[in-house]
C-alpha cells in the first residue's frame, strides 16, 4: 500500500502543466484583447468561409425557388449577422450559430427536393 502511494505521488509530480503555445492571441502574460478591427476581420473571414460552402449555395437556390414559385418559406430566411455591429463574443457566436443552422436547414431541404 505504501509503495502504491509513493508511485502515485511520484507520478503526480512528474506531470507539469504546460500552457498551450499555439494560440496566436496568447502572450506570456495571458490572452490579449483583440482590437475592434481584428474582431471585425475575424468575423468577416468566418462569414466569407461559410458563404463559399455548397450549403450556402443550396440555401440561396432554395430561397429563390420558393420566391419564384410564390410559396411561403418553411423557415425564416437566414439573416447574415453583421460583423461590424458591436456585440459581445457570446452574442456574435449565438447569431452566427443561428445563421449557420438556418443555412443547413435549407441545404438539407434542397437535398430532399432535388436529389
PDB file of N, CA and C in Angstrom:
ATOM      1  N   UNK A   1       0.815  -1.187   0.000  1.00  0.00           N
ATOM      2  CA  UNK A   1       0.000   0.000   0.000  1.00  0.00           C
ATOM      3  C   UNK A   1       0.864   1.258   0.000  1.00  0.00           C
ATOM      4  N   UNK A   2       1.912   1.266   0.771  1.00  0.00           N
ATOM      5  CA  UNK A   2       2.798   2.418   0.843  1.00  0.00           C
ATOM      6  C   UNK A   2       3.487   2.634  -0.505  1.00  0.00           C
ATOM      7  N   UNK A   3       3.913   1.559  -1.139  1.00  0.00           N
ATOM      8  CA  UNK A   3       4.593   1.704  -2.417  1.00  0.00           C
ATOM      9  C   UNK A   3       3.660   2.259  -3.493  1.00  0.00           C
ATOM     10  N   UNK A   4       2.359   1.900  -3.431  1.00  0.00           N
ATOM     11  CA  UNK A   4       1.404   2.443  -4.394  1.00  0.00           C
ATOM     12  C   UNK A   4       1.235   3.948  -4.199  1.00  0.00           C
ATOM     13  N   UNK A   5       1.190   4.405  -2.937  1.00  0.00           N
ATOM     14  CA  UNK A   5       1.068   5.840  -2.666  1.00  0.00           C
ATOM     15  C   UNK A   5       2.297   6.596  -3.159  1.00  0.00           C
ATOM     16  N   UNK A   6       3.463   6.022  -2.938  1.00  0.00           N
ATOM     17  CA  UNK A   6       4.680   6.675  -3.400  1.00  0.00           C
ATOM     18  C   UNK A   6       4.715   6.727  -4.924  1.00  0.00           C
ATOM     19  N   UNK A   7       4.283   5.659  -5.547  1.00  0.00           N
ATOM     20  CA  UNK A   7       4.263   5.633  -7.000  1.00  0.00           C
ATOM     21  C   UNK A   7       3.292   6.674  -7.541  1.00  0.00           C
ATOM     22  N   UNK A   8       2.117   6.758  -6.941  1.00  0.00           N
ATOM     23  CA  UNK A   8       1.126   7.737  -7.383  1.00  0.00           C
ATOM     24  C   UNK A   8       1.629   9.153  -7.154  1.00  0.00           C
ATOM     25  N   UNK A   9       2.284   9.386  -6.003  1.00  0.00           N
ATOM     26  CA  UNK A   9       2.818  10.715  -5.708  1.00  0.00           C
ATOM     27  C   UNK A   9       3.928  11.080  -6.691  1.00  0.00           C
ATOM     28  N   UNK A  10       4.802  10.118  -6.954  1.00  0.00           N
ATOM     29  CA  UNK A  10       5.885  10.373  -7.903  1.00  0.00           C
ATOM     30  C   UNK A  10       5.333  10.638  -9.298  1.00  0.00           C
ATOM     31  N   UNK A  11       4.300   9.877  -9.664  1.00  0.00           N
ATOM     32  CA  UNK A  11       3.675  10.072 -10.961  1.00  0.00           C
ATOM     33  C   UNK A  11       3.028  11.447 -11.052  1.00  0.00           C
ATOM     34  N   UNK A  12       2.327  11.865 -10.002  1.00  0.00           N
ATOM     35  CA  UNK A  12       1.674  13.165  -9.988  1.00  0.00           C
ATOM     36  C   UNK A  12       2.683  14.290 -10.102  1.00  0.00           C
ATOM     37  N   UNK A  13       3.843  14.134  -9.482  1.00  0.00           N
ATOM     38  CA  UNK A  13       4.870  15.172  -9.546  1.00  0.00           C
ATOM     39  C   UNK A  13       5.529  15.239 -10.918  1.00  0.00           C
ATOM     40  N   UNK A  14       5.465  14.146 -11.663  1.00  0.00           N
ATOM     41  CA  UNK A  14       6.106  14.138 -12.976  1.00  0.00           C
ATOM     42  C   UNK A  14       5.307  14.927 -14.017  1.00  0.00           C
ATOM     43  N   UNK A  15       4.018  15.149 -13.756  1.00  0.00           N
ATOM     44  CA  UNK A  15       3.200  15.927 -14.686  1.00  0.00           C
ATOM     45  C   UNK A  15       3.371  17.407 -14.403  1.00  0.00           C
ATOM     46  N   UNK A  16       3.743  18.141 -15.401  1.00  0.00           N
ATOM     47  CA  UNK A  16       3.924  19.579 -15.270  1.00  0.00           C
ATOM     48  C   UNK A  16       2.959  20.250 -16.225  1.00  0.00           C
ATOM     49  N   UNK A  17       2.231  21.228 -15.709  1.00  0.00           N
ATOM     50  CA  UNK A  17       1.280  21.945 -16.555  1.00  0.00           C
ATOM     51  C   UNK A  17       2.029  22.718 -17.623  1.00  0.00           C
ATOM     52  N   UNK A  18       1.656  22.488 -18.875  1.00  0.00           N
ATOM     53  CA  UNK A  18       2.247  23.196 -19.998  1.00  0.00           C
ATOM     54  C   UNK A  18       1.142  23.980 -20.703  1.00  0.00           C
ATOM     55  N   UNK A  19       1.138  25.297 -20.650  1.00  0.00           N
ATOM     56  CA  UNK A  19       0.106  26.048 -21.347  1.00  0.00           C
ATOM     57  C   UNK A  19       0.247  25.890 -22.855  1.00  0.00           C
ATOM     58  N   UNK A  20      -0.871  26.026 -23.544  1.00  0.00           N
ATOM     59  CA  UNK A  20      -0.852  25.917 -24.999  1.00  0.00           C
ATOM     60  C   UNK A  20      -0.021  27.033 -25.598  1.00  0.00           C
ATOM     61  N   UNK A  21       0.800  26.686 -26.540  1.00  0.00           N
ATOM     62  CA  UNK A  21       1.675  27.663 -27.178  1.00  0.00           C
ATOM     63  C   UNK A  21       1.168  28.074 -28.558  1.00  0.00           C
ATOM     64  N   UNK A  22       0.120  27.395 -29.029  1.00  0.00           N
ATOM     65  CA  UNK A  22      -0.272  27.591 -30.415  1.00  0.00           C
ATOM     66  C   UNK A  22      -1.202  28.789 -30.648  1.00  0.00           C
ATOM     67  N   UNK A  23      -1.784  29.341 -29.606  1.00  0.00           N
ATOM     68  CA  UNK A  23      -2.731  30.436 -29.794  1.00  0.00           C
ATOM     69  C   UNK A  23      -1.991  31.702 -30.199  1.00  0.00           C
ATOM     70  N   UNK A  24      -2.411  32.274 -31.310  1.00  0.00           N
ATOM     71  CA  UNK A  24      -1.761  33.485 -31.806  1.00  0.00           C
ATOM     72  C   UNK A  24      -2.044  34.681 -30.899  1.00  0.00           C
ATOM     73  N   UNK A  25      -3.131  34.627 -30.144  1.00  0.00           N
ATOM     74  CA  UNK A  25      -3.507  35.743 -29.306  1.00  0.00           C
ATOM     75  C   UNK A  25      -3.004  35.593 -27.880  1.00  0.00           C
ATOM     76  N   UNK A  26      -2.326  34.508 -27.582  1.00  0.00           N
ATOM     77  CA  UNK A  26      -1.824  34.307 -26.228  1.00  0.00           C
ATOM     78  C   UNK A  26      -0.444  34.952 -26.105  1.00  0.00           C
ATOM     79  N   UNK A  27      -0.209  35.535 -24.955  1.00  0.00           N
ATOM     80  CA  UNK A  27       1.101  36.086 -24.653  1.00  0.00           C
ATOM     81  C   UNK A  27       1.572  35.455 -23.360  1.00  0.00           C
ATOM     82  N   UNK A  28       2.776  35.742 -22.956  1.00  0.00           N
ATOM     83  CA  UNK A  28       3.264  35.166 -21.712  1.00  0.00           C
ATOM     84  C   UNK A  28       2.484  35.691 -20.515  1.00  0.00           C
ATOM     85  N   UNK A  29       1.825  36.834 -20.679  1.00  0.00           N
ATOM     86  CA  UNK A  29       1.006  37.405 -19.607  1.00  0.00           C
ATOM     87  C   UNK A  29      -0.445  36.926 -19.671  1.00  0.00           C
ATOM     88  N   UNK A  30      -0.754  36.074 -20.617  1.00  0.00           N
ATOM     89  CA  UNK A  30      -2.118  35.579 -20.766  1.00  0.00           C
ATOM     90  C   UNK A  30      -2.727  36.065 -22.067  1.00  0.00           C
ATOM     91  N   UNK A  31      -4.008  35.787 -22.268  1.00  0.00           N
ATOM     92  CA  UNK A  31      -4.640  36.205 -23.522  1.00  0.00           C
ATOM     93  C   UNK A  31      -4.742  37.725 -23.617  1.00  0.00           C
ATOM     94  N   UNK A  32      -4.636  38.220 -24.822  1.00  0.00           N
ATOM     95  CA  UNK A  32      -4.775  39.666 -25.006  1.00  0.00           C
ATOM     96  C   UNK A  32      -6.099  39.946 -25.692  1.00  0.00           C
ATOM     97  N   UNK A  33      -6.625  41.106 -25.445  1.00  0.00           N
ATOM     98  CA  UNK A  33      -7.874  41.502 -26.077  1.00  0.00           C
ATOM     99  C   UNK A  33      -7.602  41.921 -27.513  1.00  0.00           C
ATOM    100  N   UNK A  34      -8.503  41.558 -28.398  1.00  0.00           N
ATOM    101  CA  UNK A  34      -8.361  41.949 -29.795  1.00  0.00           C
ATOM    102  C   UNK A  34      -8.876  43.368 -29.978  1.00  0.00           C
ATOM    103  N   UNK A  35      -8.305  44.054 -30.938  1.00  0.00           N
ATOM    104  CA  UNK A  35      -8.817  45.376 -31.265  1.00  0.00           C
ATOM    105  C   UNK A  35     -10.132  45.220 -32.019  1.00  0.00           C
ATOM    106  N   UNK A  36     -10.872  46.291 -32.112  1.00  0.00           N
ATOM    107  CA  UNK A  36     -12.145  46.253 -32.834  1.00  0.00           C
ATOM    108  C   UNK A  36     -11.934  45.828 -34.288  1.00  0.00           C
ATOM    109  N   UNK A  37     -10.855  46.306 -34.886  1.00  0.00           N
ATOM    110  CA  UNK A  37     -10.562  45.949 -36.276  1.00  0.00           C
ATOM    111  C   UNK A  37     -10.247  44.462 -36.411  1.00  0.00           C
ATOM    112  N   UNK A  38      -9.515  43.907 -35.464  1.00  0.00           N
ATOM    113  CA  UNK A  38      -9.193  42.479 -35.501  1.00  0.00           C
ATOM    114  C   UNK A  38     -10.450  41.626 -35.331  1.00  0.00           C
ATOM    115  N   UNK A  39     -11.333  42.059 -34.445  1.00  0.00           N
ATOM    116  CA  UNK A  39     -12.592  41.332 -34.248  1.00  0.00           C
ATOM    117  C   UNK A  39     -13.409  41.348 -35.530  1.00  0.00           C
ATOM    118  N   UNK A  40     -13.528  42.517 -36.160  1.00  0.00           N
ATOM    119  CA  UNK A  40     -14.299  42.624 -37.408  1.00  0.00           C
ATOM    120  C   UNK A  40     -13.681  41.783 -38.514  1.00  0.00           C
ATOM    121  N   UNK A  41     -12.359  41.771 -38.589  1.00  0.00           N
ATOM    122  CA  UNK A  41     -11.682  40.979 -39.612  1.00  0.00           C
ATOM    123  C   UNK A  41     -11.937  39.481 -39.407  1.00  0.00           C
ATOM    124  N   UNK A  42     -11.873  39.019 -38.150  1.00  0.00           N
ATOM    125  CA  UNK A  42     -12.134  37.602 -37.875  1.00  0.00           C
ATOM    126  C   UNK A  42     -13.569  37.235 -38.223  1.00  0.00           C
ATOM    127  N   UNK A  43     -14.507  38.083 -37.822  1.00  0.00           N
ATOM    128  CA  UNK A  43     -15.919  37.799 -38.091  1.00  0.00           C
ATOM    129  C   UNK A  43     -16.192  37.782 -39.589  1.00  0.00           C
ATOM    130  N   UNK A  44     -15.624  38.724 -40.306  1.00  0.00           N
ATOM    131  CA  UNK A  44     -15.818  38.787 -41.759  1.00  0.00           C
ATOM    132  C   UNK A  44     -15.222  37.549 -42.427  1.00  0.00           C
ATOM    133  N   UNK A  45     -14.068  37.118 -41.978  1.00  0.00           N
ATOM    134  CA  UNK A  45     -13.426  35.933 -42.558  1.00  0.00           C
ATOM    135  C   UNK A  45     -14.273  34.683 -42.329  1.00  0.00           C
ATOM    136  N   UNK A  46     -14.855  34.551 -41.148  1.00  0.00           N
ATOM    137  CA  UNK A  46     -15.701  33.390 -40.850  1.00  0.00           C
ATOM    138  C   UNK A  46     -16.925  33.389 -41.761  1.00  0.00           C
ATOM    139  N   UNK A  47     -17.542  34.558 -41.942  1.00  0.00           N
ATOM    140  CA  UNK A  47     -18.712  34.644 -42.818  1.00  0.00           C
ATOM    141  C   UNK A  47     -18.352  34.326 -44.265  1.00  0.00           C
ATOM    142  N   UNK A  48     -17.209  34.824 -44.719  1.00  0.00           N
ATOM    143  CA  UNK A  48     -16.785  34.549 -46.093  1.00  0.00           C
ATOM    144  C   UNK A  48     -16.566  33.054 -46.311  1.00  0.00           C
ATOM    145  N   UNK A  49     -16.007  32.384 -45.322  1.00  0.00           N
ATOM    146  CA  UNK A  49     -15.794  30.934 -45.437  1.00  0.00           C
ATOM    147  C   UNK A  49     -17.124  30.202 -45.553  1.00  0.00           C
ATOM    148  N   UNK A  50     -18.096  30.580 -44.741  1.00  0.00           N
ATOM    149  CA  UNK A  50     -19.399  29.921 -44.800  1.00  0.00           C
ATOM    150  C   UNK A  50     -20.086  30.191 -46.137  1.00  0.00           C
ATOM    151  N   UNK A  51     -19.951  31.396 -46.645  1.00  0.00           N
ATOM    152  CA  UNK A  51     -20.623  31.743 -47.901  1.00  0.00           C
ATOM    153  C   UNK A  51     -20.006  31.048 -49.111  1.00  0.00           C
ATOM    154  N   UNK A  52     -18.831  30.475 -48.966  1.00  0.00           N
ATOM    155  CA  UNK A  52     -18.199  29.732 -50.057  1.00  0.00           C
ATOM    156  C   UNK A  52     -18.621  28.264 -50.078  1.00  0.00           C
ATOM    157  N   UNK A  53     -19.362  27.812 -49.066  1.00  0.00           N
ATOM    158  CA  UNK A  53     -19.732  26.402 -48.974  1.00  0.00           C
ATOM    159  C   UNK A  53     -20.892  26.063 -49.907  1.00  0.00           C
ATOM    160  N   UNK A  54     -20.997  24.788 -50.221  1.00  0.00           N
ATOM    161  CA  UNK A  54     -22.121  24.303 -51.028  1.00  0.00           C
ATOM    162  C   UNK A  54     -23.442  24.508 -50.287  1.00  0.00           C
ATOM    163  N   UNK A  55     -23.421  24.339 -48.972  1.00  0.00           N
ATOM    164  CA  UNK A  55     -24.640  24.537 -48.185  1.00  0.00           C
ATOM    165  C   UNK A  55     -25.209  25.929 -48.411  1.00  0.00           C
ATOM    166  N   UNK A  56     -24.343  26.923 -48.421  1.00  0.00           N
ATOM    167  CA  UNK A  56     -24.810  28.300 -48.609  1.00  0.00           C
ATOM    168  C   UNK A  56     -25.369  28.484 -50.020  1.00  0.00           C
ATOM    169  N   UNK A  57     -24.722  27.893 -51.003  1.00  0.00           N
ATOM    170  CA  UNK A  57     -25.222  27.997 -52.383  1.00  0.00           C
ATOM    171  C   UNK A  57     -26.581  27.316 -52.518  1.00  0.00           C
ATOM    172  N   UNK A  58     -26.744  26.148 -51.877  1.00  0.00           N
ATOM    173  CA  UNK A  58     -28.031  25.464 -51.895  1.00  0.00           C
ATOM    174  C   UNK A  58     -29.099  26.307 -51.215  1.00  0.00           C
ATOM    175  N   UNK A  59     -28.740  26.967 -50.141  1.00  0.00           N
ATOM    176  CA  UNK A  59     -29.684  27.823 -49.424  1.00  0.00           C
ATOM    177  C   UNK A  59     -30.167  28.955 -50.321  1.00  0.00           C
ATOM    178  N   UNK A  60     -29.247  29.581 -51.020  1.00  0.00           N
ATOM    179  CA  UNK A  60     -29.636  30.660 -51.930  1.00  0.00           C
ATOM    180  C   UNK A  60     -30.588  30.149 -53.014  1.00  0.00           C
ATOM    181  N   UNK A  61     -30.293  28.962 -53.549  1.00  0.00           N
ATOM    182  CA  UNK A  61     -31.163  28.381 -54.573  1.00  0.00           C
ATOM    183  C   UNK A  61     -32.546  28.077 -54.017  1.00  0.00           C
ATOM    184  N   UNK A  62     -32.605  27.544 -52.794  1.00  0.00           N
ATOM    185  CA  UNK A  62     -33.893  27.190 -52.198  1.00  0.00           C
ATOM    186  C   UNK A  62     -34.734  28.429 -51.927  1.00  0.00           C
ATOM    187  N   UNK A  63     -34.145  29.444 -51.378  1.00  0.00           N
ATOM    188  CA  UNK A  63     -34.887  30.678 -51.104  1.00  0.00           C
ATOM    189  C   UNK A  63     -35.405  31.255 -52.419  1.00  0.00           C
ATOM    190  N   UNK A  64     -34.589  31.261 -53.444  1.00  0.00           N
ATOM    191  CA  UNK A  64     -35.022  31.774 -54.743  1.00  0.00           C
ATOM    192  C   UNK A  64     -36.131  30.907 -55.329  1.00  0.00           C
ATOM    193  N   UNK A  65     -36.033  29.601 -55.152  1.00  0.00           N
ATOM    194  CA  UNK A  65     -37.055  28.680 -55.650  1.00  0.00           C
ATOM    195  C   UNK A  65     -38.414  29.002 -55.013  1.00  0.00           C
ATOM    196  N   UNK A  66     -38.438  29.171 -53.710  1.00  0.00           N
ATOM    197  CA  UNK A  66     -39.692  29.487 -53.033  1.00  0.00           C
ATOM    198  C   UNK A  66     -40.242  30.842 -53.474  1.00  0.00           C
ATOM    199  N   UNK A  67     -39.370  31.797 -53.702  1.00  0.00           N
ATOM    200  CA  UNK A  67     -39.823  33.113 -54.174  1.00  0.00           C
ATOM    201  C   UNK A  67     -40.376  33.016 -55.586  1.00  0.00           C
ATOM    202  N   UNK A  68     -39.691  32.266 -56.454  1.00  0.00           N
ATOM    203  CA  UNK A  68     -40.155  32.106 -57.835  1.00  0.00           C
ATOM    204  C   UNK A  68     -41.506  31.403 -57.898  1.00  0.00           C
ATOM    205  N   UNK A  69     -41.703  30.418 -57.040  1.00  0.00           N
ATOM    206  CA  UNK A  69     -42.948  29.651 -57.014  1.00  0.00           C
ATOM    207  C   UNK A  69     -44.038  30.348 -56.198  1.00  0.00           C
ATOM    208  N   UNK A  70     -43.688  31.495 -55.619  1.00  0.00           N
ATOM    209  CA  UNK A  70     -44.614  32.259 -54.768  1.00  0.00           C
ATOM    210  C   UNK A  70     -45.179  31.400 -53.642  1.00  0.00           C
ATOM    211  N   UNK A  71     -44.299  30.593 -53.081  1.00  0.00           N
ATOM    212  CA  UNK A  71     -44.663  29.738 -51.959  1.00  0.00           C
ATOM    213  C   UNK A  71     -44.119  30.342 -50.669  1.00  0.00           C
ATOM    214  N   UNK A  72     -44.813  30.105 -49.571  1.00  0.00           N
ATOM    215  CA  UNK A  72     -44.273  30.601 -48.303  1.00  0.00           C
ATOM    216  C   UNK A  72     -43.033  29.804 -47.916  1.00  0.00           C
ATOM    217  N   UNK A  73     -42.108  30.480 -47.330  1.00  0.00           N
ATOM    218  CA  UNK A  73     -40.885  29.820 -46.888  1.00  0.00           C
ATOM    219  C   UNK A  73     -41.178  28.980 -45.645  1.00  0.00           C
ATOM    220  N   UNK A  74     -40.630  27.759 -45.582  1.00  0.00           N
ATOM    221  CA  UNK A  74     -40.882  26.914 -44.413  1.00  0.00           C
ATOM    222  C   UNK A  74     -40.220  27.442 -43.140  1.00  0.00           C
ATOM    223  N   UNK A  75     -39.178  28.182 -43.295  1.00  0.00           N
ATOM    224  CA  UNK A  75     -38.444  28.776 -42.171  1.00  0.00           C
ATOM    225  C   UNK A  75     -38.058  30.186 -42.581  1.00  0.00           C
ATOM    226  N   UNK A  76     -37.802  31.060 -41.613  1.00  0.00           N
ATOM    227  CA  UNK A  76     -37.327  32.398 -41.981  1.00  0.00           C
ATOM    228  C   UNK A  76     -36.039  32.324 -42.798  1.00  0.00           C
ATOM    229  N   UNK A  77     -35.883  33.265 -43.677  1.00  0.00           N
ATOM    230  CA  UNK A  77     -34.670  33.337 -44.496  1.00  0.00           C
ATOM    231  C   UNK A  77     -33.479  33.573 -43.569  1.00  0.00           C
ATOM    232  N   UNK A  78     -32.377  32.856 -43.779  1.00  0.00           N
ATOM    233  CA  UNK A  78     -31.198  33.090 -42.945  1.00  0.00           C
ATOM    234  C   UNK A  78     -30.713  34.531 -43.090  1.00  0.00           C
ATOM    235  N   UNK A  79     -30.559  35.190 -41.978  1.00  0.00           N
ATOM    236  CA  UNK A  79     -30.084  36.577 -41.975  1.00  0.00           C
ATOM    237  C   UNK A  79     -28.621  36.582 -41.550  1.00  0.00           C
ATOM    238  N   UNK A  80     -27.796  37.103 -42.427  1.00  0.00           N
ATOM    239  CA  UNK A  80     -26.363  37.152 -42.145  1.00  0.00           C
ATOM    240  C   UNK A  80     -26.108  38.092 -40.973  1.00  0.00           C
ATOM    241  N   UNK A  81     -25.404  37.609 -39.950  1.00  0.00           N
ATOM    242  CA  UNK A  81     -25.079  38.513 -38.848  1.00  0.00           C
ATOM    243  C   UNK A  81     -24.138  39.616 -39.313  1.00  0.00           C
ATOM    244  N   UNK A  82     -24.281  40.782 -38.736  1.00  0.00           N
ATOM    245  CA  UNK A  82     -23.480  41.940 -39.123  1.00  0.00           C
ATOM    246  C   UNK A  82     -22.132  41.910 -38.395  1.00  0.00           C
ATOM    247  N   UNK A  83     -21.022  41.700 -39.124  1.00  0.00           N
ATOM    248  CA  UNK A  83     -19.723  41.587 -38.454  1.00  0.00           C
ATOM    249  C   UNK A  83     -19.242  42.904 -37.835  1.00  0.00           C
ATOM    250  N   UNK A  84     -19.716  44.032 -38.332  1.00  0.00           N
ATOM    251  CA  UNK A  84     -19.256  45.329 -37.826  1.00  0.00           C
ATOM    252  C   UNK A  84     -20.071  45.810 -36.634  1.00  0.00           C
ATOM    253  N   UNK A  85     -21.181  45.141 -36.361  1.00  0.00           N
ATOM    254  CA  UNK A  85     -22.046  45.553 -35.259  1.00  0.00           C
ATOM    255  C   UNK A  85     -21.363  45.237 -33.933  1.00  0.00           C
ATOM    256  N   UNK A  86     -21.249  46.234 -33.048  1.00  0.00           N
ATOM    257  CA  UNK A  86     -20.614  45.951 -31.759  1.00  0.00           C
ATOM    258  C   UNK A  86     -21.497  45.036 -30.908  1.00  0.00           C
ATOM    259  N   UNK A  87     -20.956  43.897 -30.521  1.00  0.00           N
ATOM    260  CA  UNK A  87     -21.664  42.954 -29.664  1.00  0.00           C
ATOM    261  C   UNK A  87     -20.646  42.074 -28.975  1.00  0.00           C
ATOM    262  N   UNK A  88     -21.084  41.434 -27.914  1.00  0.00           N
ATOM    263  CA  UNK A  88     -20.177  40.560 -27.180  1.00  0.00           C
ATOM    264  C   UNK A  88     -19.855  39.328 -28.018  1.00  0.00           C
ATOM    265  N   UNK A  89     -18.817  38.641 -27.624  1.00  0.00           N
ATOM    266  CA  UNK A  89     -18.407  37.429 -28.321  1.00  0.00           C
ATOM    267  C   UNK A  89     -19.520  36.387 -28.276  1.00  0.00           C
ATOM    268  N   UNK A  90     -20.149  36.235 -27.114  1.00  0.00           N
ATOM    269  CA  UNK A  90     -21.228  35.241 -26.984  1.00  0.00           C
ATOM    270  C   UNK A  90     -22.421  35.595 -27.857  1.00  0.00           C
ATOM    271  N   UNK A  91     -22.765  36.862 -27.918  1.00  0.00           N
ATOM    272  CA  UNK A  91     -23.885  37.281 -28.771  1.00  0.00           C
ATOM    273  C   UNK A  91     -23.561  37.015 -30.231  1.00  0.00           C
ATOM    274  N   UNK A  92     -22.348  37.353 -30.643  1.00  0.00           N
ATOM    275  CA  UNK A  92     -21.921  37.088 -32.015  1.00  0.00           C
ATOM    276  C   UNK A  92     -21.990  35.596 -32.326  1.00  0.00           C
ATOM    277  N   UNK A  93     -21.453  34.781 -31.426  1.00  0.00           N
ATOM    278  CA  UNK A  93     -21.445  33.338 -31.650  1.00  0.00           C
ATOM    279  C   UNK A  93     -22.865  32.782 -31.732  1.00  0.00           C
ATOM    280  N   UNK A  94     -23.766  33.322 -30.933  1.00  0.00           N
ATOM    281  CA  UNK A  94     -25.160  32.881 -30.978  1.00  0.00           C
ATOM    282  C   UNK A  94     -25.797  33.262 -32.319  1.00  0.00           C
ATOM    283  N   UNK A  95     -25.592  34.495 -32.760  1.00  0.00           N
ATOM    284  CA  UNK A  95     -26.145  34.924 -34.052  1.00  0.00           C
ATOM    285  C   UNK A  95     -25.560  34.109 -35.201  1.00  0.00           C
ATOM    286  N   UNK A  96     -24.253  33.864 -35.158  1.00  0.00           N
ATOM    287  CA  UNK A  96     -23.619  33.087 -36.215  1.00  0.00           C
ATOM    288  C   UNK A  96     -24.135  31.654 -36.201  1.00  0.00           C
ATOM    289  N   UNK A  97     -24.299  31.069 -35.017  1.00  0.00           N
ATOM    290  CA  UNK A  97     -24.815  29.705 -34.895  1.00  0.00           C
ATOM    291  C   UNK A  97     -26.230  29.614 -35.475  1.00  0.00           C
ATOM    292  N   UNK A  98     -27.081  30.572 -35.146  1.00  0.00           N
ATOM    293  CA  UNK A  98     -28.452  30.571 -35.678  1.00  0.00           C
ATOM    294  C   UNK A  98     -28.441  30.691 -37.201  1.00  0.00           C
ATOM    295  N   UNK A  99     -27.563  31.534 -37.724  1.00  0.00           N
ATOM    296  CA  UNK A  99     -27.433  31.697 -39.171  1.00  0.00           C
ATOM    297  C   UNK A  99     -26.978  30.388 -39.819  1.00  0.00           C
ATOM    298  N   UNK A 100     -25.974  29.766 -39.219  1.00  0.00           N
ATOM    299  CA  UNK A 100     -25.440  28.517 -39.764  1.00  0.00           C
ATOM    300  C   UNK A 100     -26.497  27.407 -39.733  1.00  0.00           C
ATOM    301  N   UNK A 101     -27.282  27.344 -38.665  1.00  0.00           N
ATOM    302  CA  UNK A 101     -28.344  26.336 -38.571  1.00  0.00           C
ATOM    303  C   UNK A 101     -29.406  26.561 -39.645  1.00  0.00           C
ATOM    304  N   UNK A 102     -29.773  27.814 -39.885  1.00  0.00           N
ATOM    305  CA  UNK A 102     -30.756  28.116 -40.922  1.00  0.00           C
ATOM    306  C   UNK A 102     -30.219  27.751 -42.299  1.00  0.00           C
ATOM    307  N   UNK A 103     -28.952  28.018 -42.537  1.00  0.00           N
ATOM    308  CA  UNK A 103     -28.329  27.646 -43.810  1.00  0.00           C
ATOM    309  C   UNK A 103     -28.368  26.129 -43.977  1.00  0.00           C
ATOM    310  N   UNK A 104     -28.051  25.401 -42.939  1.00  0.00           N
ATOM    311  CA  UNK A 104     -28.074  23.934 -43.015  1.00  0.00           C
ATOM    312  C   UNK A 104     -29.481  23.411 -43.257  1.00  0.00           C
ATOM    313  N   UNK A 105     -30.481  24.035 -42.640  1.00  0.00           N
ATOM    314  CA  UNK A 105     -31.859  23.605 -42.844  1.00  0.00           C
ATOM    315  C   UNK A 105     -32.224  23.689 -44.324  1.00  0.00           C
ATOM    316  N   UNK A 106     -31.949  24.821 -44.952  1.00  0.00           N
ATOM    317  CA  UNK A 106     -32.291  24.982 -46.360  1.00  0.00           C
ATOM    318  C   UNK A 106     -31.444  24.078 -47.255  1.00  0.00           C
ATOM    319  N   UNK A 107     -30.204  23.833 -46.880  1.00  0.00           N
ATOM    320  CA  UNK A 107     -29.361  22.930 -47.668  1.00  0.00           C
ATOM    321  C   UNK A 107     -29.923  21.497 -47.603  1.00  0.00           C
ATOM    322  N   UNK A 108     -30.373  21.079 -46.440  1.00  0.00           N
ATOM    323  CA  UNK A 108     -30.971  19.742 -46.317  1.00  0.00           C
ATOM    324  C   UNK A 108     -32.291  19.666 -47.086  1.00  0.00           C
ATOM    325  N   UNK A 109     -33.062  20.721 -47.066  1.00  0.00           N
ATOM    326  CA  UNK A 109     -34.297  20.779 -47.825  1.00  0.00           C
ATOM    327  C   UNK A 109     -34.009  20.680 -49.325  1.00  0.00           C
ATOM    328  N   UNK A 110     -32.963  21.346 -49.759  1.00  0.00           N
ATOM    329  CA  UNK A 110     -32.532  21.287 -51.168  1.00  0.00           C
ATOM    330  C   UNK A 110     -32.232  19.834 -51.545  1.00  0.00           C
ATOM    331  N   UNK A 111     -31.487  19.155 -50.675  1.00  0.00           N
ATOM    332  CA  UNK A 111     -31.131  17.748 -50.952  1.00  0.00           C
ATOM    333  C   UNK A 111     -32.373  16.883 -51.085  1.00  0.00           C
ATOM    334  N   UNK A 112     -33.379  17.098 -50.240  1.00  0.00           N
ATOM    335  CA  UNK A 112     -34.597  16.291 -50.279  1.00  0.00           C
ATOM    336  C   UNK A 112     -35.435  16.583 -51.514  1.00  0.00           C
ATOM    337  N   UNK A 113     -35.464  17.823 -51.956  1.00  0.00           N
ATOM    338  CA  UNK A 113     -36.325  18.204 -53.076  1.00  0.00           C
ATOM    339  C   UNK A 113     -35.716  17.916 -54.435  1.00  0.00           C
ATOM    340  N   UNK A 114     -34.406  18.050 -54.552  1.00  0.00           N
ATOM    341  CA  UNK A 114     -33.791  17.994 -55.882  1.00  0.00           C
ATOM    342  C   UNK A 114     -32.859  16.814 -56.096  1.00  0.00           C
ATOM    343  N   UNK A 115     -32.840  15.874 -55.176  1.00  0.00           N
ATOM    344  CA  UNK A 115     -31.959  14.731 -55.415  1.00  0.00           C
ATOM    345  C   UNK A 115     -32.645  13.447 -55.082  1.00  0.00           C
TER     346      UNK A 115
END
